[in-house]
Amino acid sequence: MQSISNNVNKSTIRVVCDNGIGTGFYFAFKDKDDPNKGLPVLVTNKHVIDGAKKTVLRFNLKNNDKGVKFHDVTIENPEQVFVRHPNPEVDLCVLPLMGIFDNVEKNGFELDYFFFDDSHIAGLSSLTPIEEVYMTGYPNGLWDEVNNKPITRKGITASDVKLKWNGKPQFMIDMACFGGSSGSPVYIMNEGTYAVSGGIALGNRFKFLGVLFAGPILQVDGSVEVIEVPTATVSVSKTNVMMNLGIVVTSTELLVFRGLLGLK
C-alpha cells in the first residue's frame, strides 16, 4: 500500500469561478454502520463561491485505455448548489459528489483521488501547542497545469489547535497564505517518527486539522486587520502587507454537515 505522502496530492481540486480561484478538497463522511462506505463531498470556503455565476472543477482520472486524463464539471449558480455551514462565522461549504462519481463511472472512467475523512479528525487532544503542518492548494492560482496537480507548503501551528482562537473554532498557522489558497486543507503528516510530549514516537501519523480561510494583514498605518484569504484574481493593496500567518477553521466544524446531509 502506498504511503499517504504519495497520495495526498490527489486530495485537492482547483475551484475556478468567474470571479476568482480557490481550493477545494475531497472529504468523506463515513457511514457509522459500515466504515467502508461514506458520502463524498468537495469542501471549500463560502467566500470562494460567493458572487460567482459559474464554477468549473477539473477532476483527475485514473489511467485508462482511452488516454483521457481529466473530467471537467461546470456548476451554474454555485451558491445555490453548495451546502453552507449554518454558522455565518464558519467559512465552510460542501458540494455532494455522488452524482459526479456516478456520471464518471457511466462513461467508463474512474476518478483518481485521496479522501480526508472523519477518522483523520480523531485524536486532536493529543497534539502539542506547536506542530509541523502542511497545506495543499493553489497559491495565487498556481498549479501543475499539465498534470493538474496542486502545490504543498510546510509551516507550523502558531496557536494551540486544542484552544479556540479568540473564542472561535479556529487556530493560526505560521505559513505564507496567498490568494487562491482559500479552502486548502491543513494537516499533520509524519512517517517514521514524530515528536510527542516528553519524547519521540515511532510510527506514522496523519491528522486533518482544518481549512484555511483568512489571514491578518499589516496596513500602512501599522494596524492589523484580519481578512479572508483572497481568491487568486483579487489582489491585496500594495500598501498592505501579508504577515505570513493564516487562520484556519477547525476540522471538527465539518462534522456539522453530517446532519445537514441526512447522515447519523
Protein backbone atom coordinates (compact mmCIF):
# COMPACT_ATOMS: atom_id res chain seq x y z
CA MET A 1 0.00 0.00 0.00
CA GLN A 2 1.34 3.42 -0.93
CA SER A 3 2.03 5.96 1.83
CA ILE A 4 -0.20 8.96 2.40
CA SER A 5 2.60 11.26 1.23
CA ASN A 6 2.42 9.59 -2.19
CA ASN A 7 -1.32 10.23 -2.45
CA VAL A 8 -2.13 13.49 -0.67
CA ASN A 9 -1.53 15.49 -3.87
CA LYS A 10 -4.66 13.76 -5.18
CA SER A 11 -6.79 15.32 -2.43
CA THR A 12 -7.48 18.78 -3.89
CA ILE A 13 -9.37 20.33 -6.78
CA ARG A 14 -8.86 23.79 -8.24
CA VAL A 15 -12.12 25.72 -7.83
CA VAL A 16 -12.29 28.11 -10.79
CA CYS A 17 -15.09 30.68 -10.55
CA ASP A 18 -15.85 33.52 -12.92
CA ASN A 19 -14.80 35.94 -10.16
CA GLY A 20 -11.76 34.15 -8.71
CA ILE A 21 -9.91 30.92 -7.98
CA GLY A 22 -9.72 28.94 -4.76
CA THR A 23 -9.03 25.46 -3.44
CA GLY A 24 -11.38 22.57 -2.69
CA PHE A 25 -10.62 19.09 -1.39
CA TYR A 26 -12.17 15.65 -1.14
CA PHE A 27 -13.75 14.67 2.17
CA ALA A 28 -15.76 11.54 3.03
CA PHE A 29 -18.33 11.34 5.82
CA LYS A 30 -18.04 7.72 6.95
CA ASP A 31 -21.14 5.56 7.36
CA LYS A 32 -21.27 4.79 11.10
CA ASP A 33 -22.81 1.37 10.40
CA ASP A 34 -20.35 0.46 7.66
CA PRO A 35 -16.94 2.22 7.75
CA ASN A 36 -16.23 1.01 4.21
CA LYS A 37 -19.00 3.27 2.93
CA GLY A 38 -19.31 7.04 3.04
CA LEU A 39 -20.71 10.18 1.45
CA PRO A 40 -18.12 12.01 -0.70
CA VAL A 41 -18.12 15.81 -0.81
CA LEU A 42 -15.93 18.64 -2.01
CA VAL A 43 -15.05 21.15 0.73
CA THR A 44 -14.16 24.80 0.20
CA ASN A 45 -14.83 28.24 1.73
CA LYS A 46 -18.11 30.08 1.32
CA HIS A 47 -16.27 33.18 0.13
CA VAL A 48 -14.64 31.23 -2.73
CA ILE A 49 -18.01 30.72 -4.43
CA ASP A 50 -19.86 33.80 -3.15
CA GLY A 51 -20.98 36.03 -6.01
CA ALA A 52 -19.96 33.51 -8.67
CA LYS A 53 -22.31 32.74 -11.55
CA LYS A 54 -20.30 29.72 -12.66
CA THR A 55 -17.73 27.34 -11.18
CA VAL A 56 -15.55 24.90 -13.14
CA LEU A 57 -13.96 21.86 -11.47
CA ARG A 58 -11.33 19.67 -13.13
CA PHE A 59 -11.11 16.11 -11.78
CA ASN A 60 -8.18 13.79 -12.45
CA LEU A 61 -8.95 10.38 -13.95
CA LYS A 62 -7.06 7.16 -13.36
CA ASN A 63 -5.05 5.80 -16.28
CA ASN A 64 -7.36 4.42 -18.95
CA ASP A 65 -7.08 2.92 -22.44
CA LYS A 66 -8.77 5.97 -23.97
CA GLY A 67 -5.96 8.28 -22.87
CA VAL A 68 -8.39 10.70 -21.19
CA LYS A 69 -6.73 12.47 -18.23
CA PHE A 70 -9.37 14.88 -16.91
CA HIS A 71 -13.10 15.24 -16.35
CA ASP A 72 -14.41 18.83 -16.27
CA VAL A 73 -17.62 19.78 -14.48
CA THR A 74 -19.34 23.17 -14.78
CA ILE A 75 -21.66 24.25 -11.97
CA GLU A 76 -24.08 27.08 -12.67
CA ASN A 77 -25.03 29.34 -9.74
CA PRO A 78 -22.81 27.51 -7.21
CA GLU A 79 -24.20 29.45 -4.24
CA GLN A 80 -27.46 27.55 -4.76
CA VAL A 81 -25.77 24.16 -5.15
CA PHE A 82 -23.18 24.06 -2.35
CA VAL A 83 -24.43 23.30 1.18
CA ARG A 84 -23.38 26.08 3.53
CA HIS A 85 -22.37 25.77 7.18
CA PRO A 86 -25.25 27.21 9.24
CA ASN A 87 -22.96 29.37 11.38
CA PRO A 88 -22.29 32.62 9.48
CA GLU A 89 -18.90 32.87 11.23
CA VAL A 90 -17.75 29.46 9.93
CA ASP A 91 -16.49 29.89 6.36
CA LEU A 92 -17.20 26.38 5.06
CA CYS A 93 -19.42 24.84 2.41
CA VAL A 94 -19.59 21.44 0.72
CA LEU A 95 -20.66 20.01 -2.62
CA PRO A 96 -22.01 16.42 -2.60
CA LEU A 97 -20.12 14.42 -5.25
CA MET A 98 -22.15 11.22 -5.71
CA GLY A 99 -23.75 12.48 -8.92
CA ILE A 100 -20.36 13.35 -10.41
CA PHE A 101 -18.90 9.98 -9.36
CA ASP A 102 -21.83 8.14 -10.96
CA ASN A 103 -21.55 10.13 -14.19
CA VAL A 104 -17.82 9.41 -14.48
CA GLU A 105 -18.38 5.68 -13.93
CA LYS A 106 -21.19 5.56 -16.51
CA ASN A 107 -18.72 6.91 -19.06
CA GLY A 108 -16.27 4.12 -18.26
CA PHE A 109 -13.77 6.12 -16.20
CA GLU A 110 -12.63 6.24 -12.58
CA LEU A 111 -11.61 9.32 -10.62
CA ASP A 112 -8.08 9.47 -9.17
CA TYR A 113 -8.42 10.84 -5.65
CA PHE A 114 -7.43 10.81 -1.99
CA PHE A 115 -10.06 11.47 0.67
CA PHE A 116 -9.74 13.15 4.02
CA ASP A 117 -12.40 11.64 6.32
CA ASP A 118 -13.86 11.65 9.81
CA SER A 119 -11.21 9.27 11.16
CA HIS A 120 -8.46 11.79 10.38
CA ILE A 121 -10.08 14.28 12.78
CA ALA A 122 -9.97 11.97 15.82
CA GLY A 123 -7.31 12.35 18.48
CA LEU A 124 -6.62 16.08 18.21
CA SER A 125 -6.42 16.28 22.02
CA SER A 126 -3.00 14.58 21.86
CA LEU A 127 -1.43 17.40 19.83
CA THR A 128 1.21 19.72 21.25
CA PRO A 129 0.83 23.54 21.02
CA ILE A 130 3.44 23.69 18.23
CA GLU A 131 3.22 21.13 15.43
CA GLU A 132 4.69 20.95 11.93
CA VAL A 133 1.87 21.20 9.41
CA TYR A 134 1.33 21.01 5.66
CA MET A 135 -1.14 22.81 3.42
CA THR A 136 -2.06 21.74 -0.12
CA GLY A 137 -3.70 24.06 -2.62
CA TYR A 138 -3.28 26.63 -5.36
CA PRO A 139 -1.49 29.79 -4.08
CA ASN A 140 -2.10 32.65 -6.50
CA GLY A 141 -3.89 30.08 -8.65
CA LEU A 142 -0.60 28.31 -9.43
CA TRP A 143 -0.60 24.59 -10.20
CA ASP A 144 1.00 21.97 -12.43
CA GLU A 145 -1.18 22.65 -15.47
CA VAL A 146 -0.04 19.59 -17.43
CA ASN A 147 -0.74 17.08 -14.64
CA ASN A 148 -3.44 19.10 -12.83
CA LYS A 149 -1.56 18.86 -9.53
CA PRO A 150 -1.51 21.27 -6.55
CA ILE A 151 1.29 22.85 -4.53
CA THR A 152 2.07 21.73 -0.97
CA ARG A 153 3.69 24.03 1.59
CA LYS A 154 5.03 23.47 5.10
CA GLY A 155 4.83 25.53 8.29
CA ILE A 156 3.94 25.26 11.98
CA THR A 157 0.92 25.89 14.13
CA ALA A 158 1.10 29.42 15.51
CA SER A 159 -1.55 28.80 18.16
CA ASP A 160 -2.71 25.72 20.05
CA VAL A 161 -5.11 23.68 17.89
CA LYS A 162 -6.88 22.46 21.04
CA LEU A 163 -7.83 26.02 22.05
CA LYS A 164 -10.40 28.24 20.35
CA TRP A 165 -8.55 31.23 18.89
CA ASN A 166 -10.29 34.33 20.30
CA GLY A 167 -13.17 32.11 21.37
CA LYS A 168 -13.94 30.82 17.88
CA PRO A 169 -13.40 27.33 16.35
CA GLN A 170 -10.19 28.48 14.70
CA PHE A 171 -6.41 28.37 15.10
CA MET A 172 -3.47 30.09 13.45
CA ILE A 173 -0.62 28.75 11.34
CA ASP A 174 2.76 30.29 10.55
CA MET A 175 2.82 29.90 6.78
CA ALA A 176 2.63 32.15 3.72
CA CYS A 177 -1.04 32.14 2.67
CA PHE A 178 -1.54 33.69 -0.75
CA GLY A 179 -4.71 34.26 -2.75
CA GLY A 180 -6.02 31.02 -4.22
CA SER A 181 -5.17 29.11 -1.03
CA SER A 182 -8.66 29.69 0.38
CA GLY A 183 -10.21 26.30 1.12
CA SER A 184 -6.87 24.48 1.42
CA PRO A 185 -6.71 21.55 3.86
CA VAL A 186 -4.20 21.91 6.71
CA TYR A 187 -2.85 18.68 8.14
CA ILE A 188 -0.11 16.86 10.06
CA MET A 189 1.74 14.14 8.17
CA ASN A 190 4.52 12.18 9.88
CA GLU A 191 6.08 8.99 8.56
CA GLY A 192 8.60 7.05 10.67
CA THR A 193 8.86 9.20 13.81
CA TYR A 194 7.24 12.28 15.32
CA ALA A 195 7.51 14.39 18.45
CA VAL A 196 5.11 13.94 21.36
CA SER A 197 5.00 15.44 24.82
CA GLY A 198 8.07 14.08 26.57
CA GLY A 199 9.79 12.35 23.70
CA ILE A 200 9.70 10.79 20.24
CA ALA A 201 7.11 8.30 18.97
CA LEU A 202 7.72 5.66 16.31
CA GLY A 203 5.23 5.11 13.51
CA ASN A 204 3.08 7.16 11.17
CA ARG A 205 0.64 9.92 11.99
CA PHE A 206 -1.90 11.73 9.81
CA LYS A 207 -4.24 14.33 11.30
CA PHE A 208 -6.60 16.63 9.43
CA LEU A 209 -6.58 19.89 11.38
CA GLY A 210 -8.74 22.29 9.41
CA VAL A 211 -9.36 24.55 6.42
CA LEU A 212 -7.58 27.82 5.65
CA PHE A 213 -9.92 30.79 5.20
CA ALA A 214 -8.36 34.06 6.40
CA GLY A 215 -5.18 35.84 7.43
CA PRO A 216 -4.02 39.06 9.10
CA ILE A 217 -2.51 41.89 7.07
CA LEU A 218 -0.37 44.80 8.25
CA GLN A 219 -1.81 48.08 7.00
CA VAL A 220 0.22 51.13 6.06
CA ASP A 221 -0.72 52.88 9.32
CA GLY A 222 0.66 49.96 11.35
CA SER A 223 -2.69 48.47 12.33
CA VAL A 224 -3.51 44.79 11.81
CA GLU A 225 -6.68 43.64 10.06
CA VAL A 226 -7.95 40.09 9.53
CA ILE A 227 -9.25 39.49 6.00
CA GLU A 228 -10.49 36.48 4.07
CA VAL A 229 -7.65 34.96 2.05
CA PRO A 230 -8.45 36.48 -1.35
CA THR A 231 -9.19 34.41 -4.41
CA ALA A 232 -6.35 34.39 -6.93
CA THR A 233 -7.82 37.18 -9.07
CA VAL A 234 -8.33 39.56 -6.14
CA SER A 235 -5.22 41.50 -5.14
CA VAL A 236 -4.20 42.95 -1.80
CA SER A 237 -3.32 46.65 -1.88
CA LYS A 238 0.40 47.39 -2.20
CA THR A 239 0.11 49.49 0.95
CA ASN A 240 -0.94 46.37 2.89
CA VAL A 241 1.50 43.58 3.76
CA MET A 242 0.57 39.93 4.34
CA MET A 243 2.05 38.72 7.64
CA ASN A 244 2.69 35.10 6.56
CA LEU A 245 0.07 33.91 9.03
CA GLY A 246 -3.15 32.10 8.27
CA ILE A 247 -6.37 31.49 10.19
CA VAL A 248 -7.82 28.00 9.90
CA VAL A 249 -11.34 26.71 10.63
CA THR A 250 -11.00 23.69 12.94
CA SER A 251 -11.78 20.40 11.17
CA THR A 252 -14.42 19.41 13.73
CA GLU A 253 -16.73 22.05 12.21
CA LEU A 254 -17.11 19.78 9.17
CA LEU A 255 -18.97 17.27 11.34
CA VAL A 256 -21.90 19.72 11.47
CA PHE A 257 -22.61 18.80 7.84
CA ARG A 258 -23.49 15.21 8.78
CA GLY A 259 -26.92 16.31 9.95
CA LEU A 260 -27.40 18.72 7.05
CA LEU A 261 -26.69 15.88 4.60
CA GLY A 262 -29.03 13.43 6.32
CA LEU A 263 -26.32 11.35 8.00
CA LYS A 264 -26.31 10.00 11.55
